[in-house]
Amino acid sequence: MDFEEILKKLKENLLKLVQDEYDDFKDSGEEVVDDFLNNSKEKLEKWTNLLANKIITLEEYKWLLKSQKDLFEINALYSAGVSKIRINKFKNKAINTIVDVVVKIVL
């Protein structure tokens, strides 16, 4: 499993999500996504490896992502004054995007 390839796909898909959700962040969308991935990379890699090696199930993978949702840092959105409600909606959509990308590549 090439985790760098997974990160590349995650970045593409999450960047599209940011651009679709936040018109006012089209110019800084890459910063938002980079922050998110950099702050989450270590856990994402660990959990994705566990999933790829069938040590955990897809449901357990989803649970791990959701359980850590509040720890995902999205500093660019916070500093720009985006409401916590909108950020939490983004986090939920980001988790779904992560699952979709990982499933296509790993399973």
N, C-alpha and C. Protein backbone atom coordinates (compact mmCIF):
# COMPACT_ATOMS: atom_id res chain seq x y z
N MET A 1 0.84 -1.18 0.00
CA MET A 1 0.00 0.00 0.00
C MET A 1 0.89 1.25 0.00
N ASP A 2 0.63 2.14 -0.91
CA ASP A 2 1.39 3.38 -1.03
C ASP A 2 0.59 4.51 -0.37
N PHE A 3 0.97 4.84 0.88
CA PHE A 3 0.21 5.84 1.61
C PHE A 3 0.33 7.22 0.99
N GLU A 4 1.44 7.51 0.35
CA GLU A 4 1.60 8.80 -0.32
C GLU A 4 0.58 8.95 -1.45
N GLU A 5 0.28 7.86 -2.15
CA GLU A 5 -0.75 7.89 -3.19
C GLU A 5 -2.12 8.15 -2.57
N ILE A 6 -2.37 7.53 -1.43
CA ILE A 6 -3.63 7.76 -0.72
C ILE A 6 -3.73 9.22 -0.31
N LEU A 7 -2.65 9.76 0.24
CA LEU A 7 -2.66 11.18 0.63
C LEU A 7 -2.93 12.09 -0.56
N LYS A 8 -2.34 11.76 -1.70
CA LYS A 8 -2.56 12.56 -2.91
C LYS A 8 -4.04 12.56 -3.31
N LYS A 9 -4.65 11.37 -3.29
CA LYS A 9 -6.08 11.26 -3.62
C LYS A 9 -6.94 11.97 -2.57
N LEU A 10 -6.57 11.82 -1.30
CA LEU A 10 -7.31 12.51 -0.24
C LEU A 10 -7.24 14.02 -0.43
N LYS A 11 -6.06 14.50 -0.76
CA LYS A 11 -5.90 15.95 -0.97
C LYS A 11 -6.78 16.43 -2.11
N GLU A 12 -6.79 15.70 -3.22
CA GLU A 12 -7.63 16.08 -4.36
C GLU A 12 -9.10 16.14 -3.97
N ASN A 13 -9.57 15.10 -3.30
CA ASN A 13 -10.98 15.01 -2.95
C ASN A 13 -11.37 16.01 -1.86
N LEU A 14 -10.50 16.20 -0.88
CA LEU A 14 -10.80 17.16 0.18
C LEU A 14 -10.74 18.59 -0.33
N LEU A 15 -9.84 18.86 -1.26
CA LEU A 15 -9.77 20.20 -1.86
C LEU A 15 -11.06 20.51 -2.60
N LYS A 16 -11.57 19.54 -3.32
CA LYS A 16 -12.86 19.72 -4.01
C LYS A 16 -13.97 19.97 -2.99
N LEU A 17 -13.95 19.24 -1.88
CA LEU A 17 -14.95 19.42 -0.83
C LEU A 17 -14.90 20.83 -0.26
N VAL A 18 -13.70 21.32 0.04
CA VAL A 18 -13.56 22.68 0.58
C VAL A 18 -14.07 23.70 -0.43
N GLN A 19 -13.70 23.52 -1.69
CA GLN A 19 -14.13 24.47 -2.70
C GLN A 19 -15.64 24.44 -2.92
N ASP A 20 -16.24 23.27 -2.79
CA ASP A 20 -17.69 23.15 -2.95
C ASP A 20 -18.43 23.74 -1.75
N GLU A 21 -17.87 23.58 -0.56
CA GLU A 21 -18.54 24.01 0.67
C GLU A 21 -18.30 25.49 1.00
N TYR A 22 -17.14 25.98 0.67
CA TYR A 22 -16.75 27.33 1.09
C TYR A 22 -16.29 28.14 -0.10
N ASP A 23 -17.21 28.83 -0.73
CA ASP A 23 -16.87 29.66 -1.89
C ASP A 23 -15.79 30.68 -1.55
N ASP A 24 -15.84 31.18 -0.32
CA ASP A 24 -14.90 32.21 0.09
C ASP A 24 -13.50 31.66 0.36
N PHE A 25 -13.32 30.35 0.27
CA PHE A 25 -12.01 29.74 0.51
C PHE A 25 -11.41 29.12 -0.74
N LYS A 26 -11.92 29.46 -1.90
CA LYS A 26 -11.38 28.88 -3.14
C LYS A 26 -9.89 29.15 -3.27
N ASP A 27 -9.45 30.34 -2.85
CA ASP A 27 -8.03 30.70 -2.97
C ASP A 27 -7.17 30.04 -1.90
N SER A 28 -7.74 29.79 -0.71
CA SER A 28 -6.95 29.22 0.38
C SER A 28 -7.33 27.78 0.69
N GLY A 29 -8.07 27.16 -0.21
CA GLY A 29 -8.52 25.78 0.00
C GLY A 29 -7.37 24.82 0.20
N GLU A 30 -6.29 25.03 -0.53
CA GLU A 30 -5.15 24.12 -0.40
C GLU A 30 -4.54 24.22 0.99
N GLU A 31 -4.50 25.41 1.56
CA GLU A 31 -3.98 25.58 2.92
C GLU A 31 -4.86 24.85 3.93
N VAL A 32 -6.17 24.95 3.75
CA VAL A 32 -7.12 24.26 4.64
C VAL A 32 -6.89 22.75 4.59
N VAL A 33 -6.78 22.22 3.39
CA VAL A 33 -6.60 20.77 3.21
C VAL A 33 -5.24 20.33 3.72
N ASP A 34 -4.19 21.09 3.41
CA ASP A 34 -2.85 20.74 3.88
C ASP A 34 -2.79 20.71 5.40
N ASP A 35 -3.38 21.71 6.04
CA ASP A 35 -3.44 21.73 7.51
C ASP A 35 -4.13 20.48 8.04
N PHE A 36 -5.28 20.20 7.46
CA PHE A 36 -6.06 19.05 7.90
C PHE A 36 -5.26 17.75 7.76
N LEU A 37 -4.66 17.54 6.60
CA LEU A 37 -3.91 16.31 6.37
C LEU A 37 -2.63 16.23 7.21
N ASN A 38 -1.93 17.34 7.33
CA ASN A 38 -0.71 17.34 8.13
C ASN A 38 -1.00 17.03 9.59
N ASN A 39 -2.08 17.56 10.11
CA ASN A 39 -2.44 17.33 11.51
C ASN A 39 -3.02 15.95 11.73
N SER A 40 -3.47 15.29 10.69
CA SER A 40 -4.13 14.00 10.80
C SER A 40 -3.31 12.86 10.22
N LYS A 41 -2.23 13.17 9.55
CA LYS A 41 -1.49 12.19 8.75
C LYS A 41 -1.07 10.95 9.53
N GLU A 42 -0.49 11.15 10.70
CA GLU A 42 0.05 10.02 11.46
C GLU A 42 -1.05 9.00 11.80
N LYS A 43 -2.16 9.49 12.31
CA LYS A 43 -3.25 8.58 12.66
C LYS A 43 -3.88 7.97 11.42
N LEU A 44 -4.07 8.76 10.39
CA LEU A 44 -4.64 8.23 9.15
C LEU A 44 -3.79 7.10 8.59
N GLU A 45 -2.49 7.30 8.60
CA GLU A 45 -1.59 6.26 8.07
C GLU A 45 -1.68 4.99 8.92
N LYS A 46 -1.65 5.16 10.22
CA LYS A 46 -1.72 4.00 11.11
C LYS A 46 -3.01 3.23 10.90
N TRP A 47 -4.12 3.94 10.91
CA TRP A 47 -5.42 3.28 10.79
C TRP A 47 -5.62 2.67 9.40
N THR A 48 -5.13 3.35 8.38
CA THR A 48 -5.25 2.83 7.02
C THR A 48 -4.43 1.56 6.86
N ASN A 49 -3.25 1.52 7.45
CA ASN A 49 -2.44 0.30 7.43
C ASN A 49 -3.15 -0.84 8.14
N LEU A 50 -3.77 -0.55 9.27
CA LEU A 50 -4.53 -1.57 9.99
C LEU A 50 -5.67 -2.12 9.12
N LEU A 51 -6.35 -1.23 8.44
CA LEU A 51 -7.45 -1.64 7.56
C LEU A 51 -6.92 -2.45 6.38
N ALA A 52 -5.86 -1.98 5.77
CA ALA A 52 -5.29 -2.67 4.61
C ALA A 52 -4.81 -4.08 4.96
N ASN A 53 -4.32 -4.25 6.17
CA ASN A 53 -3.83 -5.55 6.63
C ASN A 53 -4.91 -6.38 7.31
N LYS A 54 -6.14 -5.90 7.22
CA LYS A 54 -7.30 -6.61 7.76
C LYS A 54 -7.20 -6.88 9.26
N ILE A 55 -6.53 -5.97 9.96
CA ILE A 55 -6.43 -6.05 11.42
C ILE A 55 -7.68 -5.41 12.04
N ILE A 56 -8.23 -4.44 11.33
CA ILE A 56 -9.50 -3.85 11.74
C ILE A 56 -10.46 -3.91 10.55
N THR A 57 -11.74 -3.83 10.86
CA THR A 57 -12.77 -3.84 9.82
C THR A 57 -13.02 -2.41 9.33
N LEU A 58 -13.77 -2.30 8.26
CA LEU A 58 -14.15 -0.99 7.75
C LEU A 58 -14.97 -0.24 8.79
N GLU A 59 -15.85 -0.93 9.49
CA GLU A 59 -16.66 -0.28 10.53
C GLU A 59 -15.77 0.25 11.66
N GLU A 60 -14.76 -0.51 12.04
CA GLU A 60 -13.83 -0.04 13.08
C GLU A 60 -13.04 1.16 12.58
N TYR A 61 -12.66 1.15 11.32
CA TYR A 61 -11.94 2.28 10.72
C TYR A 61 -12.81 3.54 10.78
N LYS A 62 -14.06 3.41 10.37
CA LYS A 62 -14.98 4.55 10.43
C LYS A 62 -15.12 5.05 11.86
N TRP A 63 -15.25 4.11 12.80
CA TRP A 63 -15.41 4.48 14.20
C TRP A 63 -14.19 5.26 14.69
N LEU A 64 -12.99 4.79 14.32
CA LEU A 64 -11.77 5.49 14.72
C LEU A 64 -11.75 6.92 14.18
N LEU A 65 -12.10 7.07 12.92
CA LEU A 65 -12.14 8.41 12.33
C LEU A 65 -13.14 9.31 13.06
N LYS A 66 -14.33 8.78 13.30
CA LYS A 66 -15.37 9.58 13.96
C LYS A 66 -15.00 9.89 15.41
N SER A 67 -14.34 8.96 16.08
CA SER A 67 -13.99 9.18 17.49
C SER A 67 -12.94 10.28 17.63
N GLN A 68 -12.18 10.51 16.60
CA GLN A 68 -11.13 11.52 16.64
C GLN A 68 -11.52 12.81 15.94
N LYS A 69 -12.75 12.91 15.53
CA LYS A 69 -13.21 14.06 14.73
C LYS A 69 -12.87 15.39 15.39
N ASP A 70 -13.05 15.47 16.70
CA ASP A 70 -12.80 16.74 17.37
C ASP A 70 -11.32 17.10 17.44
N LEU A 71 -10.46 16.12 17.24
CA LEU A 71 -9.03 16.39 17.27
C LEU A 71 -8.48 16.87 15.93
N PHE A 72 -9.25 16.65 14.87
CA PHE A 72 -8.80 17.13 13.57
C PHE A 72 -8.75 18.66 13.61
N GLU A 73 -7.60 19.18 13.34
CA GLU A 73 -7.41 20.63 13.38
C GLU A 73 -7.65 21.22 12.00
N ILE A 74 -8.44 22.24 11.98
CA ILE A 74 -8.68 22.95 10.73
C ILE A 74 -8.47 24.44 11.03
N ASN A 75 -7.21 24.77 11.29
CA ASN A 75 -6.85 26.10 11.76
C ASN A 75 -7.21 27.20 10.78
N ALA A 76 -7.07 26.95 9.51
CA ALA A 76 -7.36 28.00 8.52
C ALA A 76 -8.82 28.41 8.57
N LEU A 77 -9.71 27.46 8.79
CA LEU A 77 -11.14 27.80 8.89
C LEU A 77 -11.44 28.51 10.21
N TYR A 78 -10.85 28.03 11.29
CA TYR A 78 -11.05 28.69 12.59
C TYR A 78 -10.60 30.14 12.54
N SER A 79 -9.40 30.35 12.03
CA SER A 79 -8.85 31.70 12.02
C SER A 79 -9.61 32.63 11.08
N ALA A 80 -10.31 32.08 10.12
CA ALA A 80 -11.08 32.90 9.19
C ALA A 80 -12.49 33.19 9.73
N GLY A 81 -12.80 32.65 10.89
CA GLY A 81 -14.07 32.95 11.52
C GLY A 81 -15.23 32.08 11.07
N VAL A 82 -14.96 30.96 10.46
CA VAL A 82 -16.03 30.05 10.06
C VAL A 82 -16.62 29.46 11.33
N SER A 83 -17.94 29.37 11.39
CA SER A 83 -18.60 28.90 12.61
C SER A 83 -18.26 27.45 12.92
N LYS A 84 -18.32 27.12 14.20
CA LYS A 84 -18.03 25.75 14.62
C LYS A 84 -19.01 24.76 14.00
N ILE A 85 -20.24 25.17 13.80
CA ILE A 85 -21.24 24.30 13.18
C ILE A 85 -20.81 23.95 11.75
N ARG A 86 -20.40 24.94 10.99
CA ARG A 86 -19.95 24.69 9.61
C ARG A 86 -18.68 23.85 9.59
N ILE A 87 -17.79 24.10 10.53
CA ILE A 87 -16.55 23.32 10.60
C ILE A 87 -16.87 21.87 10.94
N ASN A 88 -17.79 21.64 11.88
CA ASN A 88 -18.17 20.27 12.22
C ASN A 88 -18.83 19.56 11.05
N LYS A 89 -19.64 20.28 10.29
CA LYS A 89 -20.23 19.68 9.08
C LYS A 89 -19.14 19.31 8.09
N PHE A 90 -18.15 20.19 7.96
CA PHE A 90 -17.03 19.89 7.08
C PHE A 90 -16.28 18.65 7.56
N LYS A 91 -16.03 18.56 8.86
CA LYS A 91 -15.32 17.40 9.41
C LYS A 91 -16.08 16.11 9.10
N ASN A 92 -17.39 16.13 9.25
CA ASN A 92 -18.19 14.93 8.94
C ASN A 92 -18.06 14.55 7.47
N LYS A 93 -18.14 15.55 6.60
CA LYS A 93 -18.00 15.28 5.17
C LYS A 93 -16.58 14.83 4.84
N ALA A 94 -15.60 15.40 5.52
CA ALA A 94 -14.22 15.01 5.30
C ALA A 94 -14.00 13.55 5.70
N ILE A 95 -14.60 13.13 6.81
CA ILE A 95 -14.48 11.73 7.24
C ILE A 95 -15.09 10.81 6.20
N ASN A 96 -16.26 11.17 5.68
CA ASN A 96 -16.88 10.36 4.64
C ASN A 96 -16.01 10.30 3.39
N THR A 97 -15.38 11.41 3.05
CA THR A 97 -14.50 11.47 1.89
C THR A 97 -13.29 10.57 2.11
N ILE A 98 -12.71 10.62 3.31
CA ILE A 98 -11.56 9.78 3.63
C ILE A 98 -11.93 8.31 3.47
N VAL A 99 -13.06 7.93 4.03
CA VAL A 99 -13.51 6.53 3.94
C VAL A 99 -13.69 6.13 2.48
N ASP A 100 -14.34 6.97 1.70
CA ASP A 100 -14.58 6.64 0.29
C ASP A 100 -13.27 6.44 -0.47
N VAL A 101 -12.32 7.34 -0.28
CA VAL A 101 -11.04 7.25 -0.99
C VAL A 101 -10.27 6.01 -0.56
N VAL A 102 -10.20 5.78 0.74
CA VAL A 102 -9.45 4.64 1.27
C VAL A 102 -10.06 3.34 0.80
N VAL A 103 -11.37 3.24 0.82
CA VAL A 103 -12.04 2.00 0.38
C VAL A 103 -11.70 1.71 -1.08
N LYS A 104 -11.73 2.73 -1.93
CA LYS A 104 -11.43 2.52 -3.35
C LYS A 104 -10.00 2.04 -3.57
N ILE A 105 -9.07 2.50 -2.74
CA ILE A 105 -7.67 2.17 -2.95
C ILE A 105 -7.26 0.91 -2.20
N VAL A 106 -7.72 0.75 -0.99
CA VAL A 106 -7.23 -0.32 -0.11
C VAL A 106 -8.04 -1.60 -0.19
N LEU A 107 -9.35 -1.47 -0.28
CA LEU A 107 -10.19 -2.68 -0.24
C LEU A 107 -10.59 -3.16 -1.62
